[in-house]
């Protein structure tokens, strides 16, 4: 191995290392749900609660004599 190969190998190893500590976890795209799905789930939850509140109001008004 020549001196150039050794220098290239050591600089490649230095530049490819992460600057973060080994204890930190890198964020990955797979860590979070897609934004569209998050919005849909939120809308579905809100809509279901409105429907349940509407049914509760109907039964409460029908039972109040």
C-alpha atoms as a PDB file:
ATOM      1  CA  UNK A   1       0.000   0.000   0.000  1.00  0.00           C
ATOM      2  CA  UNK A   2       1.420   3.382  -0.904  1.00  0.00           C
ATOM      3  CA  UNK A   3       1.344   6.517   1.233  1.00  0.00           C
ATOM      4  CA  UNK A   4      -1.382   7.992  -0.976  1.00  0.00           C
ATOM      5  CA  UNK A   5      -3.630   4.980  -0.373  1.00  0.00           C
ATOM      6  CA  UNK A   6      -3.117   5.203   3.395  1.00  0.00           C
ATOM      7  CA  UNK A   7      -3.848   8.943   3.391  1.00  0.00           C
ATOM      8  CA  UNK A   8      -6.977   8.453   1.278  1.00  0.00           C
ATOM      9  CA  UNK A   9      -8.198   5.630   3.528  1.00  0.00           C
ATOM     10  CA  UNK A  10      -7.745   7.676   6.707  1.00  0.00           C
ATOM     11  CA  UNK A  11      -9.396  10.800   5.281  1.00  0.00           C
ATOM     12  CA  UNK A  12     -12.307   8.749   3.956  1.00  0.00           C
ATOM     13  CA  UNK A  13     -12.779   7.195   7.364  1.00  0.00           C
ATOM     14  CA  UNK A  14     -12.692  10.603   9.045  1.00  0.00           C
ATOM     15  CA  UNK A  15     -15.112  12.283   6.631  1.00  0.00           C
ATOM     16  CA  UNK A  16     -17.651   9.478   6.679  1.00  0.00           C
ATOM     17  CA  UNK A  17     -17.950   9.455  10.467  1.00  0.00           C
ATOM     18  CA  UNK A  18     -20.939  11.215  11.912  1.00  0.00           C
ATOM     19  CA  UNK A  19     -20.342  14.411  13.838  1.00  0.00           C
ATOM     20  CA  UNK A  20     -23.034  13.414  16.315  1.00  0.00           C
ATOM     21  CA  UNK A  21     -22.345  11.331  19.365  1.00  0.00           C
ATOM     22  CA  UNK A  22     -22.961   7.637  19.268  1.00  0.00           C
ATOM     23  CA  UNK A  23     -25.716   7.971  21.870  1.00  0.00           C
ATOM     24  CA  UNK A  24     -27.911  10.159  19.686  1.00  0.00           C
ATOM     25  CA  UNK A  25     -30.370   8.479  17.390  1.00  0.00           C
ATOM     26  CA  UNK A  26     -30.590   9.888  13.903  1.00  0.00           C
ATOM     27  CA  UNK A  27     -34.039  10.875  12.715  1.00  0.00           C
ATOM     28  CA  UNK A  28     -35.371   8.739   9.944  1.00  0.00           C
ATOM     29  CA  UNK A  29     -38.257   9.336   7.583  1.00  0.00           C
ATOM     30  CA  UNK A  30     -39.826   6.126   8.842  1.00  0.00           C
ATOM     31  CA  UNK A  31     -39.991   7.457  12.411  1.00  0.00           C
ATOM     32  CA  UNK A  32     -43.040   9.598  11.706  1.00  0.00           C
ATOM     33  CA  UNK A  33     -46.342   9.019   9.947  1.00  0.00           C
ATOM     34  CA  UNK A  34     -46.905  10.920   6.705  1.00  0.00           C
ATOM     35  CA  UNK A  35     -48.453  14.361   7.230  1.00  0.00           C
ATOM     36  CA  UNK A  36     -51.512  13.515   5.116  1.00  0.00           C
ATOM     37  CA  UNK A  37     -52.316  10.517   7.255  1.00  0.00           C
ATOM     38  CA  UNK A  38     -51.867  12.525  10.447  1.00  0.00           C
ATOM     39  CA  UNK A  39     -54.319  15.169   9.218  1.00  0.00           C
ATOM     40  CA  UNK A  40     -56.872  12.547   8.151  1.00  0.00           C
ATOM     41  CA  UNK A  41     -56.707  10.786  11.524  1.00  0.00           C
ATOM     42  CA  UNK A  42     -57.185  14.120  13.297  1.00  0.00           C
ATOM     43  CA  UNK A  43     -60.189  14.998  11.100  1.00  0.00           C
ATOM     44  CA  UNK A  44     -61.716  11.548  11.602  1.00  0.00           C
ATOM     45  CA  UNK A  45     -61.334  11.823  15.374  1.00  0.00           C
ATOM     46  CA  UNK A  46     -62.923  15.272  15.436  1.00  0.00           C
ATOM     47  CA  UNK A  47     -65.753  14.173  13.118  1.00  0.00           C
ATOM     48  CA  UNK A  48     -66.488  11.082  15.219  1.00  0.00           C
ATOM     49  CA  UNK A  49     -66.646  13.179  18.376  1.00  0.00           C
ATOM     50  CA  UNK A  50     -69.066  15.614  16.715  1.00  0.00           C
ATOM     51  CA  UNK A  51     -71.293  12.731  15.575  1.00  0.00           C
ATOM     52  CA  UNK A  52     -71.254  11.180  19.049  1.00  0.00           C
ATOM     53  CA  UNK A  53     -72.088  14.557  20.602  1.00  0.00           C
ATOM     54  CA  UNK A  54     -74.967  14.970  18.134  1.00  0.00           C
ATOM     55  CA  UNK A  55     -76.375  11.525  19.000  1.00  0.00           C
ATOM     56  CA  UNK A  56     -75.990  12.271  22.696  1.00  0.00           C
ATOM     57  CA  UNK A  57     -77.914  15.530  22.222  1.00  0.00           C
ATOM     58  CA  UNK A  58     -80.685  13.755  20.302  1.00  0.00           C
ATOM     59  CA  UNK A  59     -81.102  11.059  22.940  1.00  0.00           C
ATOM     60  CA  UNK A  60     -80.868  13.594  25.756  1.00  0.00           C
ATOM     61  CA  UNK A  61     -83.567  15.819  24.193  1.00  0.00           C
ATOM     62  CA  UNK A  62     -85.785  12.825  23.370  1.00  0.00           C
ATOM     63  CA  UNK A  63     -85.543  11.527  26.946  1.00  0.00           C
ATOM     64  CA  UNK A  64     -86.288  14.906  28.580  1.00  0.00           C
ATOM     65  CA  UNK A  65     -90.029  15.093  29.073  1.00  0.00           C
END
